């Protein structure tokens, strides 16, 4: 695992087309933004949101359900 320190508005590029950007740091919470092509799935892995792999397709697209209220799409 590679561990890097970043400040707000700094980013990390993965490959040619994925960018992970630090949006804000407040207290113990870090907000990040992820830019990726439409074909790349970005999935939260925290235990209280993650669904079993077999139920993922039955629940509909990633934008639906309880997790949708926790994900915001922002433009700079």
PDB file of N, CA and C in Angstrom:
ATOM      1  N   UNK A   1       0.838  -1.172   0.000  1.00  0.00           N
ATOM      2  CA  UNK A   1       0.000   0.000   0.000  1.00  0.00           C
ATOM      3  C   UNK A   1       0.884   1.237   0.000  1.00  0.00           C
ATOM      4  N   UNK A   2       0.548   2.165  -0.855  1.00  0.00           N
ATOM      5  CA  UNK A   2       1.232   3.446  -0.914  1.00  0.00           C
ATOM      6  C   UNK A   2       0.442   4.445  -0.077  1.00  0.00           C
ATOM      7  N   UNK A   3       1.092   5.142   0.835  1.00  0.00           N
ATOM      8  CA  UNK A   3       0.435   6.127   1.685  1.00  0.00           C
ATOM      9  C   UNK A   3       1.043   7.490   1.375  1.00  0.00           C
ATOM     10  N   UNK A   4       0.183   8.452   1.039  1.00  0.00           N
ATOM     11  CA  UNK A   4       0.634   9.794   0.686  1.00  0.00           C
ATOM     12  C   UNK A   4      -0.090  10.829   1.538  1.00  0.00           C
ATOM     13  N   UNK A   5       0.563  11.914   1.836  1.00  0.00           N
ATOM     14  CA  UNK A   5      -0.076  13.038   2.521  1.00  0.00           C
ATOM     15  C   UNK A   5      -0.472  14.062   1.466  1.00  0.00           C
ATOM     16  N   UNK A   6      -1.693  14.556   1.541  1.00  0.00           N
ATOM     17  CA  UNK A   6      -2.195  15.566   0.615  1.00  0.00           C
ATOM     18  C   UNK A   6      -2.895  16.652   1.407  1.00  0.00           C
ATOM     19  N   UNK A   7      -2.878  17.869   0.891  1.00  0.00           N
ATOM     20  CA  UNK A   7      -3.587  19.004   1.472  1.00  0.00           C
ATOM     21  C   UNK A   7      -4.853  19.243   0.651  1.00  0.00           C
ATOM     22  N   UNK A   8      -5.814  20.000   1.203  1.00  0.00           N
ATOM     23  CA  UNK A   8      -7.013  20.309   0.412  1.00  0.00           C
ATOM     24  C   UNK A   8      -6.653  20.897  -0.949  1.00  0.00           C
ATOM     25  N   UNK A   9      -7.358  20.460  -1.950  1.00  0.00           N
ATOM     26  CA  UNK A   9      -7.220  20.810  -3.372  1.00  0.00           C
ATOM     27  C   UNK A   9      -6.068  20.080  -4.062  1.00  0.00           C
ATOM     28  N   UNK A  10      -5.258  19.323  -3.327  1.00  0.00           N
ATOM     29  CA  UNK A  10      -4.227  18.499  -3.963  1.00  0.00           C
ATOM     30  C   UNK A  10      -4.849  17.179  -4.396  1.00  0.00           C
ATOM     31  N   UNK A  11      -4.247  16.554  -5.396  1.00  0.00           N
ATOM     32  CA  UNK A  11      -4.825  15.345  -5.982  1.00  0.00           C
ATOM     33  C   UNK A  11      -3.782  14.264  -6.196  1.00  0.00           C
ATOM     34  N   UNK A  12      -4.281  13.087  -6.465  1.00  0.00           N
ATOM     35  CA  UNK A  12      -3.459  11.932  -6.819  1.00  0.00           C
ATOM     36  C   UNK A  12      -4.038  11.367  -8.107  1.00  0.00           C
ATOM     37  N   UNK A  13      -3.199  11.096  -9.086  1.00  0.00           N
ATOM     38  CA  UNK A  13      -3.647  10.522 -10.349  1.00  0.00           C
ATOM     39  C   UNK A  13      -3.315   9.037 -10.368  1.00  0.00           C
ATOM     40  N   UNK A  14      -4.301   8.233 -10.736  1.00  0.00           N
ATOM     41  CA  UNK A  14      -4.123   6.781 -10.831  1.00  0.00           C
ATOM     42  C   UNK A  14      -4.290   6.402 -12.295  1.00  0.00           C
ATOM     43  N   UNK A  15      -3.242   5.877 -12.880  1.00  0.00           N
ATOM     44  CA  UNK A  15      -3.293   5.562 -14.304  1.00  0.00           C
ATOM     45  C   UNK A  15      -3.451   6.836 -15.115  1.00  0.00           C
ATOM     46  N   UNK A  16      -4.117   6.719 -16.273  1.00  0.00           N
ATOM     47  CA  UNK A  16      -4.295   7.874 -17.147  1.00  0.00           C
ATOM     48  C   UNK A  16      -5.603   8.616 -16.925  1.00  0.00           C
ATOM     49  N   UNK A  17      -6.567   7.986 -16.215  1.00  0.00           N
ATOM     50  CA  UNK A  17      -7.894   8.573 -16.222  1.00  0.00           C
ATOM     51  C   UNK A  17      -8.644   8.566 -14.887  1.00  0.00           C
ATOM     52  N   UNK A  18      -7.954   8.365 -13.785  1.00  0.00           N
ATOM     53  CA  UNK A  18      -8.599   8.419 -12.480  1.00  0.00           C
ATOM     54  C   UNK A  18      -7.867   9.433 -11.612  1.00  0.00           C
ATOM     55  N   UNK A  19      -8.628  10.377 -11.048  1.00  0.00           N
ATOM     56  CA  UNK A  19      -8.056  11.412 -10.184  1.00  0.00           C
ATOM     57  C   UNK A  19      -8.791  11.389  -8.853  1.00  0.00           C
ATOM     58  N   UNK A  20      -8.020  11.321  -7.764  1.00  0.00           N
ATOM     59  CA  UNK A  20      -8.558  11.384  -6.409  1.00  0.00           C
ATOM     60  C   UNK A  20      -8.093  12.700  -5.818  1.00  0.00           C
ATOM     61  N   UNK A  21      -9.056  13.565  -5.462  1.00  0.00           N
ATOM     62  CA  UNK A  21      -8.729  14.906  -4.994  1.00  0.00           C
ATOM     63  C   UNK A  21      -9.257  15.116  -3.581  1.00  0.00           C
ATOM     64  N   UNK A  22      -8.434  15.721  -2.720  1.00  0.00           N
ATOM     65  CA  UNK A  22      -8.866  16.079  -1.375  1.00  0.00           C
ATOM     66  C   UNK A  22      -9.700  17.352  -1.503  1.00  0.00           C
ATOM     67  N   UNK A  23     -10.971  17.267  -1.108  1.00  0.00           N
ATOM     68  CA  UNK A  23     -11.879  18.408  -1.213  1.00  0.00           C
ATOM     69  C   UNK A  23     -11.814  19.263   0.049  1.00  0.00           C
ATOM     70  N   UNK A  24     -11.862  18.622   1.213  1.00  0.00           N
ATOM     71  CA  UNK A  24     -11.847  19.362   2.473  1.00  0.00           C
ATOM     72  C   UNK A  24     -11.397  18.451   3.604  1.00  0.00           C
ATOM     73  N   UNK A  25     -10.832  19.072   4.627  1.00  0.00           N
ATOM     74  CA  UNK A  25     -10.475  18.360   5.860  1.00  0.00           C
ATOM     75  C   UNK A  25     -11.077  19.168   7.001  1.00  0.00           C
ATOM     76  N   UNK A  26     -11.993  18.525   7.754  1.00  0.00           N
ATOM     77  CA  UNK A  26     -12.648  19.196   8.887  1.00  0.00           C
ATOM     78  C   UNK A  26     -12.667  18.231  10.062  1.00  0.00           C
ATOM     79  N   UNK A  27     -11.971  18.604  11.115  1.00  0.00           N
ATOM     80  CA  UNK A  27     -11.922  17.716  12.283  1.00  0.00           C
ATOM     81  C   UNK A  27     -11.330  16.372  11.900  1.00  0.00           C
ATOM     82  N   UNK A  28     -12.033  15.322  12.194  1.00  0.00           N
ATOM     83  CA  UNK A  28     -11.561  13.976  11.873  1.00  0.00           C
ATOM     84  C   UNK A  28     -12.107  13.444  10.570  1.00  0.00           C
ATOM     85  N   UNK A  29     -12.679  14.305   9.718  1.00  0.00           N
ATOM     86  CA  UNK A  29     -13.287  13.852   8.472  1.00  0.00           C
ATOM     87  C   UNK A  29     -12.565  14.442   7.266  1.00  0.00           C
ATOM     88  N   UNK A  30     -12.297  13.589   6.287  1.00  0.00           N
ATOM     89  CA  UNK A  30     -11.674  14.019   5.041  1.00  0.00           C
ATOM     90  C   UNK A  30     -12.676  13.783   3.921  1.00  0.00           C
ATOM     91  N   UNK A  31     -12.962  14.814   3.134  1.00  0.00           N
ATOM     92  CA  UNK A  31     -13.849  14.662   1.980  1.00  0.00           C
ATOM     93  C   UNK A  31     -12.978  14.559   0.740  1.00  0.00           C
ATOM     94  N   UNK A  32     -13.245  13.537  -0.064  1.00  0.00           N
ATOM     95  CA  UNK A  32     -12.488  13.350  -1.293  1.00  0.00           C
ATOM     96  C   UNK A  32     -13.436  13.333  -2.476  1.00  0.00           C
ATOM     97  N   UNK A  33     -12.914  13.702  -3.627  1.00  0.00           N
ATOM     98  CA  UNK A  33     -13.637  13.613  -4.886  1.00  0.00           C
ATOM     99  C   UNK A  33     -12.900  12.645  -5.784  1.00  0.00           C
ATOM    100  N   UNK A  34     -13.646  11.865  -6.548  1.00  0.00           N
ATOM    101  CA  UNK A  34     -13.050  10.884  -7.446  1.00  0.00           C
ATOM    102  C   UNK A  34     -13.564  11.130  -8.851  1.00  0.00           C
ATOM    103  N   UNK A  35     -12.663  11.389  -9.777  1.00  0.00           N
ATOM    104  CA  UNK A  35     -13.010  11.535 -11.187  1.00  0.00           C
ATOM    105  C   UNK A  35     -12.555  10.268 -11.905  1.00  0.00           C
ATOM    106  N   UNK A  36     -13.513   9.597 -12.543  1.00  0.00           N
ATOM    107  CA  UNK A  36     -13.202   8.360 -13.250  1.00  0.00           C
ATOM    108  C   UNK A  36     -14.129   8.241 -14.457  1.00  0.00           C
ATOM    109  N   UNK A  37     -13.707   7.515 -15.484  1.00  0.00           N
ATOM    110  CA  UNK A  37     -14.570   7.328 -16.647  1.00  0.00           C
ATOM    111  C   UNK A  37     -15.864   6.609 -16.247  1.00  0.00           C
ATOM    112  N   UNK A  38     -16.928   6.782 -17.021  1.00  0.00           N
ATOM    113  CA  UNK A  38     -18.210   6.166 -16.700  1.00  0.00           C
ATOM    114  C   UNK A  38     -18.146   4.645 -16.515  1.00  0.00           C
ATOM    115  N   UNK A  39     -17.256   3.981 -17.193  1.00  0.00           N
ATOM    116  CA  UNK A  39     -17.161   2.528 -17.099  1.00  0.00           C
ATOM    117  C   UNK A  39     -16.450   2.021 -15.857  1.00  0.00           C
ATOM    118  N   UNK A  40     -15.874   2.910 -15.049  1.00  0.00           N
ATOM    119  CA  UNK A  40     -15.146   2.512 -13.846  1.00  0.00           C
ATOM    120  C   UNK A  40     -16.086   2.597 -12.648  1.00  0.00           C
ATOM    121  N   UNK A  41     -16.273   1.475 -11.946  1.00  0.00           N
ATOM    122  CA  UNK A  41     -17.123   1.454 -10.767  1.00  0.00           C
ATOM    123  C   UNK A  41     -16.331   1.925  -9.556  1.00  0.00           C
ATOM    124  N   UNK A  42     -16.908   2.840  -8.809  1.00  0.00           N
ATOM    125  CA  UNK A  42     -16.313   3.333  -7.570  1.00  0.00           C
ATOM    126  C   UNK A  42     -17.269   2.914  -6.461  1.00  0.00           C
ATOM    127  N   UNK A  43     -16.804   2.064  -5.552  1.00  0.00           N
ATOM    128  CA  UNK A  43     -17.672   1.484  -4.533  1.00  0.00           C
ATOM    129  C   UNK A  43     -17.128   1.785  -3.150  1.00  0.00           C
ATOM    130  N   UNK A  44     -18.007   2.255  -2.266  1.00  0.00           N
ATOM    131  CA  UNK A  44     -17.631   2.441  -0.862  1.00  0.00           C
ATOM    132  C   UNK A  44     -17.493   1.062  -0.227  1.00  0.00           C
ATOM    133  N   UNK A  45     -16.506   0.915   0.649  1.00  0.00           N
ATOM    134  CA  UNK A  45     -16.325  -0.385   1.286  1.00  0.00           C
ATOM    135  C   UNK A  45     -16.562  -0.356   2.782  1.00  0.00           C
ATOM    136  N   UNK A  46     -17.041   0.767   3.334  1.00  0.00           N
ATOM    137  CA  UNK A  46     -17.294   0.784   4.764  1.00  0.00           C
ATOM    138  C   UNK A  46     -18.431  -0.186   5.092  1.00  0.00           C
ATOM    139  N   UNK A  47     -18.307  -0.876   6.186  1.00  0.00           N
ATOM    140  CA  UNK A  47     -19.171  -2.004   6.497  1.00  0.00           C
ATOM    141  C   UNK A  47     -20.643  -1.646   6.635  1.00  0.00           C
ATOM    142  N   UNK A  48     -20.990  -0.444   7.067  1.00  0.00           N
ATOM    143  CA  UNK A  48     -22.401  -0.125   7.247  1.00  0.00           C
ATOM    144  C   UNK A  48     -23.120   0.257   5.963  1.00  0.00           C
ATOM    145  N   UNK A  49     -22.391   0.425   4.857  1.00  0.00           N
ATOM    146  CA  UNK A  49     -23.015   0.777   3.589  1.00  0.00           C
ATOM    147  C   UNK A  49     -22.880  -0.344   2.567  1.00  0.00           C
ATOM    148  N   UNK A  50     -21.792  -1.088   2.632  1.00  0.00           N
ATOM    149  CA  UNK A  50     -21.522  -2.116   1.626  1.00  0.00           C
ATOM    150  C   UNK A  50     -22.567  -3.212   1.660  1.00  0.00           C
ATOM    151  N   UNK A  51     -22.988  -3.634   0.474  1.00  0.00           N
ATOM    152  CA  UNK A  51     -23.940  -4.734   0.347  1.00  0.00           C
ATOM    153  C   UNK A  51     -23.197  -5.981  -0.090  1.00  0.00           C
ATOM    154  N   UNK A  52     -23.728  -7.162   0.200  1.00  0.00           N
ATOM    155  CA  UNK A  52     -23.087  -8.390  -0.290  1.00  0.00           C
ATOM    156  C   UNK A  52     -22.994  -8.351  -1.809  1.00  0.00           C
ATOM    157  N   UNK A  53     -21.946  -8.924  -2.355  1.00  0.00           N
ATOM    158  CA  UNK A  53     -21.702  -8.872  -3.802  1.00  0.00           C
ATOM    159  C   UNK A  53     -22.876  -9.431  -4.595  1.00  0.00           C
ATOM    160  N   UNK A  54     -23.519 -10.495  -4.106  1.00  0.00           N
ATOM    161  CA  UNK A  54     -24.620 -11.098  -4.851  1.00  0.00           C
ATOM    162  C   UNK A  54     -25.871 -10.223  -4.854  1.00  0.00           C
ATOM    163  N   UNK A  55     -26.021  -9.312  -3.903  1.00  0.00           N
ATOM    164  CA  UNK A  55     -27.197  -8.456  -3.827  1.00  0.00           C
ATOM    165  C   UNK A  55     -26.988  -7.128  -4.543  1.00  0.00           C
ATOM    166  N   UNK A  56     -25.783  -6.844  -4.944  1.00  0.00           N
ATOM    167  CA  UNK A  56     -25.460  -5.548  -5.536  1.00  0.00           C
ATOM    168  C   UNK A  56     -26.274  -5.265  -6.792  1.00  0.00           C
ATOM    169  N   UNK A  57     -26.385  -6.237  -7.690  1.00  0.00           N
ATOM    170  CA  UNK A  57     -27.114  -6.017  -8.935  1.00  0.00           C
ATOM    171  C   UNK A  57     -28.612  -5.959  -8.695  1.00  0.00           C
ATOM    172  N   UNK A  58     -29.112  -6.678  -7.721  1.00  0.00           N
ATOM    173  CA  UNK A  58     -30.542  -6.676  -7.430  1.00  0.00           C
ATOM    174  C   UNK A  58     -30.999  -5.338  -6.878  1.00  0.00           C
ATOM    175  N   UNK A  59     -30.108  -4.604  -6.261  1.00  0.00           N
ATOM    176  CA  UNK A  59     -30.477  -3.333  -5.643  1.00  0.00           C
ATOM    177  C   UNK A  59     -30.584  -2.206  -6.659  1.00  0.00           C
ATOM    178  N   UNK A  60     -30.162  -2.408  -7.882  1.00  0.00           N
ATOM    179  CA  UNK A  60     -30.226  -1.364  -8.891  1.00  0.00           C
ATOM    180  C   UNK A  60     -28.890  -0.675  -9.042  1.00  0.00           C
ATOM    181  N   UNK A  61     -28.856   0.414  -9.827  1.00  0.00           N
ATOM    182  CA  UNK A  61     -27.597   1.116 -10.062  1.00  0.00           C
ATOM    183  C   UNK A  61     -27.067   1.744  -8.778  1.00  0.00           C
ATOM    184  N   UNK A  62     -25.752   2.020  -8.716  1.00  0.00           N
ATOM    185  CA  UNK A  62     -25.135   2.555  -7.509  1.00  0.00           C
ATOM    186  C   UNK A  62     -25.772   3.854  -7.034  1.00  0.00           C
ATOM    187  N   UNK A  63     -26.396   4.636  -7.920  1.00  0.00           N
ATOM    188  CA  UNK A  63     -26.980   5.910  -7.541  1.00  0.00           C
ATOM    189  C   UNK A  63     -28.268   5.746  -6.757  1.00  0.00           C
ATOM    190  N   UNK A  64     -28.857   4.544  -6.742  1.00  0.00           N
ATOM    191  CA  UNK A  64     -30.124   4.357  -6.050  1.00  0.00           C
ATOM    192  C   UNK A  64     -29.899   3.851  -4.637  1.00  0.00           C
ATOM    193  N   UNK A  65     -30.935   3.894  -3.830  1.00  0.00           N
ATOM    194  CA  UNK A  65     -30.873   3.327  -2.494  1.00  0.00           C
ATOM    195  C   UNK A  65     -30.310   4.278  -1.464  1.00  0.00           C
ATOM    196  N   UNK A  66     -30.018   3.742  -0.272  1.00  0.00           N
ATOM    197  CA  UNK A  66     -29.575   4.552   0.860  1.00  0.00           C
ATOM    198  C   UNK A  66     -28.238   5.234   0.615  1.00  0.00           C
ATOM    199  N   UNK A  67     -27.344   4.588  -0.117  1.00  0.00           N
ATOM    200  CA  UNK A  67     -26.015   5.169  -0.328  1.00  0.00           C
ATOM    201  C   UNK A  67     -26.081   6.431  -1.176  1.00  0.00           C
ATOM    202  N   UNK A  68     -27.125   6.590  -1.991  1.00  0.00           N
ATOM    203  CA  UNK A  68     -27.215   7.752  -2.864  1.00  0.00           C
ATOM    204  C   UNK A  68     -27.282   9.045  -2.074  1.00  0.00           C
ATOM    205  N   UNK A  69     -27.898   9.035  -0.910  1.00  0.00           N
ATOM    206  CA  UNK A  69     -28.000  10.260  -0.129  1.00  0.00           C
ATOM    207  C   UNK A  69     -26.666  10.664   0.462  1.00  0.00           C
ATOM    208  N   UNK A  70     -25.692   9.763   0.493  1.00  0.00           N
ATOM    209  CA  UNK A  70     -24.404  10.043   1.075  1.00  0.00           C
ATOM    210  C   UNK A  70     -23.359  10.422   0.041  1.00  0.00           C
ATOM    211  N   UNK A  71     -23.709  10.339  -1.243  1.00  0.00           N
ATOM    212  CA  UNK A  71     -22.755  10.628  -2.314  1.00  0.00           C
ATOM    213  C   UNK A  71     -23.199  11.891  -3.022  1.00  0.00           C
ATOM    214  N   UNK A  72     -22.293  12.855  -3.145  1.00  0.00           N
ATOM    215  CA  UNK A  72     -22.601  14.094  -3.843  1.00  0.00           C
ATOM    216  C   UNK A  72     -21.674  14.239  -5.036  1.00  0.00           C
ATOM    217  N   UNK A  73     -22.192  14.704  -6.138  1.00  0.00           N
ATOM    218  CA  UNK A  73     -21.398  14.956  -7.334  1.00  0.00           C
ATOM    219  C   UNK A  73     -21.111  16.442  -7.368  1.00  0.00           C
ATOM    220  N   UNK A  74     -19.853  16.850  -7.361  1.00  0.00           N
ATOM    221  CA  UNK A  74     -19.509  18.266  -7.358  1.00  0.00           C
ATOM    222  C   UNK A  74     -18.569  18.578  -8.510  1.00  0.00           C
ATOM    223  N   UNK A  75     -18.668  19.776  -8.987  1.00  0.00           N
ATOM    224  CA  UNK A  75     -17.766  20.277 -10.016  1.00  0.00           C
ATOM    225  C   UNK A  75     -16.948  21.405  -9.402  1.00  0.00           C
ATOM    226  N   UNK A  76     -15.703  21.538  -9.778  1.00  0.00           N
ATOM    227  CA  UNK A  76     -14.847  22.633  -9.273  1.00  0.00           C
ATOM    228  C   UNK A  76     -15.117  23.893 -10.023  1.00  0.00           C
TER     229      UNK A  76
END
